[in-house]
C-alpha atoms as a PDB file:
ATOM      1  CA  UNK A   1     -11.342   9.850  10.939  1.00  0.00           C
ATOM      2  CA  UNK A   2     -14.798  11.344  11.777  1.00  0.00           C
ATOM      3  CA  UNK A   3     -17.039  12.640   8.759  1.00  0.00           C
ATOM      4  CA  UNK A   4     -16.530  16.074  10.290  1.00  0.00           C
ATOM      5  CA  UNK A   5     -12.998  16.127   9.170  1.00  0.00           C
ATOM      6  CA  UNK A   6     -14.234  15.306   5.573  1.00  0.00           C
ATOM      7  CA  UNK A   7     -15.241  17.844   2.907  1.00  0.00           C
ATOM      8  CA  UNK A   8     -17.407  15.087   1.272  1.00  0.00           C
ATOM      9  CA  UNK A   9     -17.764  11.522   0.883  1.00  0.00           C
ATOM     10  CA  UNK A  10     -19.216   8.789  -1.147  1.00  0.00           C
ATOM     11  CA  UNK A  11     -20.070   5.232   0.075  1.00  0.00           C
ATOM     12  CA  UNK A  12     -20.314   2.281  -2.619  1.00  0.00           C
ATOM     13  CA  UNK A  13     -22.585  -0.404  -1.054  1.00  0.00           C
ATOM     14  CA  UNK A  14     -22.928  -3.966  -1.963  1.00  0.00           C
ATOM     15  CA  UNK A  15     -19.868  -3.815  -4.967  1.00  0.00           C
ATOM     16  CA  UNK A  16     -19.862  -7.569  -6.071  1.00  0.00           C
ATOM     17  CA  UNK A  17     -16.326  -8.156  -5.348  1.00  0.00           C
ATOM     18  CA  UNK A  18     -14.203  -9.383  -2.183  1.00  0.00           C
ATOM     19  CA  UNK A  19     -13.071  -6.986   0.264  1.00  0.00           C
ATOM     20  CA  UNK A  20      -9.626  -8.263   0.045  1.00  0.00           C
ATOM     21  CA  UNK A  21      -9.550  -7.450  -3.856  1.00  0.00           C
ATOM     22  CA  UNK A  22     -10.778  -4.169  -3.146  1.00  0.00           C
ATOM     23  CA  UNK A  23      -8.435  -3.175  -0.370  1.00  0.00           C
ATOM     24  CA  UNK A  24      -5.758  -4.030  -3.081  1.00  0.00           C
ATOM     25  CA  UNK A  25      -6.924  -0.859  -5.065  1.00  0.00           C
ATOM     26  CA  UNK A  26      -7.979   1.559  -2.416  1.00  0.00           C
ATOM     27  CA  UNK A  27      -4.880   1.209  -0.763  1.00  0.00           C
ATOM     28  CA  UNK A  28      -3.273   2.852  -3.988  1.00  0.00           C
ATOM     29  CA  UNK A  29      -5.182   5.888  -3.850  1.00  0.00           C
ATOM     30  CA  UNK A  30      -5.363   6.734   0.023  1.00  0.00           C
ATOM     31  CA  UNK A  31      -3.514  10.015   0.661  1.00  0.00           C
ATOM     32  CA  UNK A  32      -3.200  11.090  -2.935  1.00  0.00           C
ATOM     33  CA  UNK A  33      -4.589  14.300  -4.562  1.00  0.00           C
ATOM     34  CA  UNK A  34      -8.031  13.409  -6.706  1.00  0.00           C
ATOM     35  CA  UNK A  35      -6.356  14.094  -9.938  1.00  0.00           C
ATOM     36  CA  UNK A  36      -3.281  11.846  -9.105  1.00  0.00           C
ATOM     37  CA  UNK A  37      -5.881   9.137  -7.520  1.00  0.00           C
ATOM     38  CA  UNK A  38      -8.240   9.164 -10.531  1.00  0.00           C
ATOM     39  CA  UNK A  39      -4.911   8.520 -13.102  1.00  0.00           C
ATOM     40  CA  UNK A  40      -3.737   6.081 -10.938  1.00  0.00           C
ATOM     41  CA  UNK A  41      -7.398   3.971 -11.006  1.00  0.00           C
ATOM     42  CA  UNK A  42      -7.473   4.762 -14.838  1.00  0.00           C
ATOM     43  CA  UNK A  43      -4.129   2.844 -15.383  1.00  0.00           C
ATOM     44  CA  UNK A  44      -4.682   0.153 -12.737  1.00  0.00           C
ATOM     45  CA  UNK A  45      -5.170  -3.326 -14.135  1.00  0.00           C
ATOM     46  CA  UNK A  46      -7.946  -4.564 -11.757  1.00  0.00           C
ATOM     47  CA  UNK A  47     -11.476  -4.557 -12.548  1.00  0.00           C
ATOM     48  CA  UNK A  48     -12.541  -3.073  -9.097  1.00  0.00           C
ATOM     49  CA  UNK A  49     -10.779  -0.049 -10.274  1.00  0.00           C
ATOM     50  CA  UNK A  50     -13.505   1.026 -12.755  1.00  0.00           C
ATOM     51  CA  UNK A  51     -16.210   1.253  -9.918  1.00  0.00           C
ATOM     52  CA  UNK A  52     -14.073   2.496  -7.679  1.00  0.00           C
ATOM     53  CA  UNK A  53     -12.990   5.273 -10.012  1.00  0.00           C
ATOM     54  CA  UNK A  54     -16.800   6.166 -10.400  1.00  0.00           C
ATOM     55  CA  UNK A  55     -17.322   6.525  -6.742  1.00  0.00           C
ATOM     56  CA  UNK A  56     -14.289   8.916  -6.476  1.00  0.00           C
ATOM     57  CA  UNK A  57     -15.940  11.352  -9.297  1.00  0.00           C
ATOM     58  CA  UNK A  58     -19.202  10.802  -7.150  1.00  0.00           C
ATOM     59  CA  UNK A  59     -17.284  12.102  -3.931  1.00  0.00           C
ATOM     60  CA  UNK A  60     -15.940  15.075  -6.048  1.00  0.00           C
ATOM     61  CA  UNK A  61     -19.385  16.114  -7.230  1.00  0.00           C
ATOM     62  CA  UNK A  62     -20.684  15.892  -3.793  1.00  0.00           C
ATOM     63  CA  UNK A  63     -17.752  18.177  -2.525  1.00  0.00           C
ATOM     64  CA  UNK A  64     -18.844  20.747  -5.313  1.00  0.00           C
ATOM     65  CA  UNK A  65     -22.902  20.284  -4.216  1.00  0.00           C
ATOM     66  CA  UNK A  66     -21.959  20.667  -0.416  1.00  0.00           C
ATOM     67  CA  UNK A  67     -19.361  23.481  -0.916  1.00  0.00           C
ATOM     68  CA  UNK A  68     -19.381  26.030  -3.784  1.00  0.00           C
ATOM     69  CA  UNK A  69     -16.362  27.531  -3.293  1.00  0.00           C
ATOM     70  CA  UNK A  70     -14.061  24.428  -2.989  1.00  0.00           C
ATOM     71  CA  UNK A  71     -10.922  24.315  -4.943  1.00  0.00           C
ATOM     72  CA  UNK A  72     -11.224  20.776  -6.704  1.00  0.00           C
ATOM     73  CA  UNK A  73      -7.157  21.050  -7.028  1.00  0.00           C
ATOM     74  CA  UNK A  74      -6.733  21.059  -3.549  1.00  0.00           C
ATOM     75  CA  UNK A  75      -8.934  17.833  -2.710  1.00  0.00           C
ATOM     76  CA  UNK A  76      -7.438  14.777  -1.730  1.00  0.00           C
ATOM     77  CA  UNK A  77      -8.328  11.406  -0.370  1.00  0.00           C
ATOM     78  CA  UNK A  78      -8.285  11.635   3.187  1.00  0.00           C
ATOM     79  CA  UNK A  79      -9.773   8.342   4.116  1.00  0.00           C
ATOM     80  CA  UNK A  80     -10.520   5.539   2.178  1.00  0.00           C
ATOM     81  CA  UNK A  81     -11.444   1.736   3.542  1.00  0.00           C
ATOM     82  CA  UNK A  82     -13.390  -1.473   2.534  1.00  0.00           C
ATOM     83  CA  UNK A  83     -15.703  -3.102   4.762  1.00  0.00           C
ATOM     84  CA  UNK A  84     -17.082  -6.923   4.275  1.00  0.00           C
ATOM     85  CA  UNK A  85     -20.725  -7.339   3.094  1.00  0.00           C
ATOM     86  CA  UNK A  86     -23.119 -10.059   2.981  1.00  0.00           C
ATOM     87  CA  UNK A  87     -22.022 -13.210   1.099  1.00  0.00           C
ATOM     88  CA  UNK A  88     -24.430 -15.127  -1.194  1.00  0.00           C
ATOM     89  CA  UNK A  89     -24.301 -18.709  -0.724  1.00  0.00           C
ATOM     90  CA  UNK A  90     -24.708 -21.021  -3.916  1.00  0.00           C
ATOM     91  CA  UNK A  91     -23.950 -24.632  -4.440  1.00  0.00           C
ATOM     92  CA  UNK A  92     -21.934 -26.190  -6.922  1.00  0.00           C
ATOM     93  CA  UNK A  93     -22.139 -29.547  -8.079  1.00  0.00           C
ATOM     94  CA  UNK A  94     -19.408 -31.750  -7.309  1.00  0.00           C
ATOM     95  CA  UNK A  95     -18.224 -35.613  -8.343  1.00  0.00           C
ATOM     96  CA  UNK A  96     -20.424 -38.566  -6.876  1.00  0.00           C
ATOM     97  CA  UNK A  97     -23.518 -36.649  -5.765  1.00  0.00           C
ATOM     98  CA  UNK A  98     -21.808 -34.213  -3.793  1.00  0.00           C
ATOM     99  CA  UNK A  99     -21.920 -30.460  -3.430  1.00  0.00           C
ATOM    100  CA  UNK A 100     -19.491 -27.843  -2.900  1.00  0.00           C
ATOM    101  CA  UNK A 101     -20.560 -24.283  -1.572  1.00  0.00           C
ATOM    102  CA  UNK A 102     -19.621 -21.208  -3.307  1.00  0.00           C
ATOM    103  CA  UNK A 103     -19.312 -17.996  -1.245  1.00  0.00           C
ATOM    104  CA  UNK A 104     -20.147 -15.022  -3.829  1.00  0.00           C
ATOM    105  CA  UNK A 105     -18.685 -12.171  -1.608  1.00  0.00           C
ATOM    106  CA  UNK A 106     -19.477  -8.541  -1.373  1.00  0.00           C
ATOM    107  CA  UNK A 107     -18.101  -5.422   0.397  1.00  0.00           C
ATOM    108  CA  UNK A 108     -19.209  -1.744   1.090  1.00  0.00           C
ATOM    109  CA  UNK A 109     -16.289   0.703   0.268  1.00  0.00           C
ATOM    110  CA  UNK A 110     -16.407   4.404   1.705  1.00  0.00           C
ATOM    111  CA  UNK A 111     -14.322   7.220   0.313  1.00  0.00           C
ATOM    112  CA  UNK A 112     -13.814  10.545   2.112  1.00  0.00           C
ATOM    113  CA  UNK A 113     -12.571  13.733   0.914  1.00  0.00           C
ATOM    114  CA  UNK A 114     -10.294  16.480   2.537  1.00  0.00           C
ATOM    115  CA  UNK A 115      -8.986  19.483   1.456  1.00  0.00           C
ATOM    116  CA  UNK A 116      -5.419  20.750   1.834  1.00  0.00           C
ATOM    117  CA  UNK A 117      -4.470  24.272   3.112  1.00  0.00           C
ATOM    118  CA  UNK A 118      -3.637  26.736   0.660  1.00  0.00           C
ATOM    119  CA  UNK A 119       0.382  27.188  -0.351  1.00  0.00           C
ATOM    120  CA  UNK A 120       1.171  30.818   0.317  1.00  0.00           C
ATOM    121  CA  UNK A 121       4.624  30.011   0.117  1.00  0.00           C
ATOM    122  CA  UNK A 122       4.836  31.394   3.769  1.00  0.00           C
ATOM    123  CA  UNK A 123       4.807  28.204   5.610  1.00  0.00           C
ATOM    124  CA  UNK A 124       7.423  28.014   8.196  1.00  0.00           C
ATOM    125  CA  UNK A 125       9.157  24.452   8.543  1.00  0.00           C
ATOM    126  CA  UNK A 126       8.574  22.663  11.761  1.00  0.00           C
ATOM    127  CA  UNK A 127      11.914  22.840  14.520  1.00  0.00           C
ATOM    128  CA  UNK A 128      12.800  19.213  13.788  1.00  0.00           C
ATOM    129  CA  UNK A 129      12.873  19.749  10.005  1.00  0.00           C
ATOM    130  CA  UNK A 130      14.717  22.731  10.533  1.00  0.00           C
ATOM    131  CA  UNK A 131      17.448  21.011  12.384  1.00  0.00           C
ATOM    132  CA  UNK A 132      17.517  18.267   9.957  1.00  0.00           C
ATOM    133  CA  UNK A 133      18.154  20.581   7.233  1.00  0.00           C
ATOM    134  CA  UNK A 134      20.690  22.440   9.088  1.00  0.00           C
ATOM    135  CA  UNK A 135      22.771  19.419   9.542  1.00  0.00           C
ATOM    136  CA  UNK A 136      22.236  18.804   5.710  1.00  0.00           C
ATOM    137  CA  UNK A 137      20.256  15.650   5.543  1.00  0.00           C
ATOM    138  CA  UNK A 138      16.753  14.912   6.525  1.00  0.00           C
ATOM    139  CA  UNK A 139      15.951  12.806   9.531  1.00  0.00           C
ATOM    140  CA  UNK A 140      14.693   9.758   7.462  1.00  0.00           C
ATOM    141  CA  UNK A 141      17.702   9.492   5.401  1.00  0.00           C
ATOM    142  CA  UNK A 142      19.950   9.752   8.835  1.00  0.00           C
ATOM    143  CA  UNK A 143      18.095   7.025  10.030  1.00  0.00           C
ATOM    144  CA  UNK A 144      18.130   5.176   6.850  1.00  0.00           C
ATOM    145  CA  UNK A 145      21.811   5.300   6.867  1.00  0.00           C
ATOM    146  CA  UNK A 146      22.697   3.893  10.529  1.00  0.00           C
ATOM    147  CA  UNK A 147      23.065   0.087  10.537  1.00  0.00           C
ATOM    148  CA  UNK A 148      20.974  -1.554  12.847  1.00  0.00           C
ATOM    149  CA  UNK A 149      20.807  -4.999  14.559  1.00  0.00           C
ATOM    150  CA  UNK A 150      22.435  -7.833  12.837  1.00  0.00           C
ATOM    151  CA  UNK A 151      23.832  -5.397  10.027  1.00  0.00           C
ATOM    152  CA  UNK A 152      25.571  -3.660  12.565  1.00  0.00           C
ATOM    153  CA  UNK A 153      27.181  -6.638  14.196  1.00  0.00           C
ATOM    154  CA  UNK A 154      27.998  -7.676  10.818  1.00  0.00           C
ATOM    155  CA  UNK A 155      29.465  -4.286  10.037  1.00  0.00           C
ATOM    156  CA  UNK A 156      31.828  -4.317  13.253  1.00  0.00           C
ATOM    157  CA  UNK A 157      33.272  -7.521  12.310  1.00  0.00           C
ATOM    158  CA  UNK A 158      34.270  -6.432   8.866  1.00  0.00           C
ATOM    159  CA  UNK A 159      31.869  -8.025   6.473  1.00  0.00           C
ATOM    160  CA  UNK A 160      28.789  -6.865   4.681  1.00  0.00           C
ATOM    161  CA  UNK A 161      25.471  -8.714   5.723  1.00  0.00           C
ATOM    162  CA  UNK A 162      23.326  -9.374   2.458  1.00  0.00           C
ATOM    163  CA  UNK A 163      20.538 -11.168   4.092  1.00  0.00           C
ATOM    164  CA  UNK A 164      21.881 -14.756   3.025  1.00  0.00           C
ATOM    165  CA  UNK A 165      24.096 -17.285   4.666  1.00  0.00           C
ATOM    166  CA  UNK A 166      27.735 -17.492   2.911  1.00  0.00           C
ATOM    167  CA  UNK A 167      27.848 -20.193   0.109  1.00  0.00           C
ATOM    168  CA  UNK A 168      28.971 -23.758   0.653  1.00  0.00           C
ATOM    169  CA  UNK A 169      31.954 -24.758  -0.992  1.00  0.00           C
ATOM    170  CA  UNK A 170      31.117 -26.908  -4.239  1.00  0.00           C
ATOM    171  CA  UNK A 171      32.602 -30.494  -4.189  1.00  0.00           C
ATOM    172  CA  UNK A 172      34.586 -30.778  -7.281  1.00  0.00           C
ATOM    173  CA  UNK A 173      36.472 -33.907  -8.781  1.00  0.00           C
ATOM    174  CA  UNK A 174      39.469 -32.469  -7.950  1.00  0.00           C
ATOM    175  CA  UNK A 175      38.553 -32.313  -4.303  1.00  0.00           C
ATOM    176  CA  UNK A 176      37.421 -35.465  -3.960  1.00  0.00           C
ATOM    177  CA  UNK A 177      40.484 -36.950  -5.226  1.00  0.00           C
ATOM    178  CA  UNK A 178      42.669 -34.865  -2.719  1.00  0.00           C
ATOM    179  CA  UNK A 179      40.370 -36.222   0.303  1.00  0.00           C
ATOM    180  CA  UNK A 180      40.966 -39.854  -0.781  1.00  0.00           C
ATOM    181  CA  UNK A 181      44.601 -39.445  -1.211  1.00  0.00           C
ATOM    182  CA  UNK A 182      44.602 -37.635   2.583  1.00  0.00           C
ATOM    183  CA  UNK A 183      42.886 -40.740   3.783  1.00  0.00           C
ATOM    184  CA  UNK A 184      45.168 -43.537   2.212  1.00  0.00           C
ATOM    185  CA  UNK A 185      48.226 -41.620   3.551  1.00  0.00           C
END
């Protein structure tokens, strides 16, 4: 995404957490409406969600400042990404006079907001969606119901593939006695 496609953006630099931890939270809000994203961040049990929520508020304020006639209800998180930042190198004492190196990682978070087109109720469905609707099912659900690969072969053999191998028969005391009797005779 280029910055020209964004209505507004906000960037949080040198956030004191690792990029991996921040990406877990940012992935939750990508593509959502701003109000829905703020609700998600408010109920996420991650410390970094507080900082990202503040940054999202800042991006909305930037949109209001940049474009006075922007409709906040139509804003959504068009792009959100996390880049790695510098690491502070620290030393932690270790046994027998040694030292362990500790990396205190940082990251840079960027959020870009876009504006969804207004819903007038006159939207014409695409040709592909129209044919699927005429058939009485969507293209996604039709693809999901069709067995593929191994599942298709298992269905042809008459048994369902559950993802695990069939269970082995358990050896019981009665089974062992039968086996011994068969060996003797």
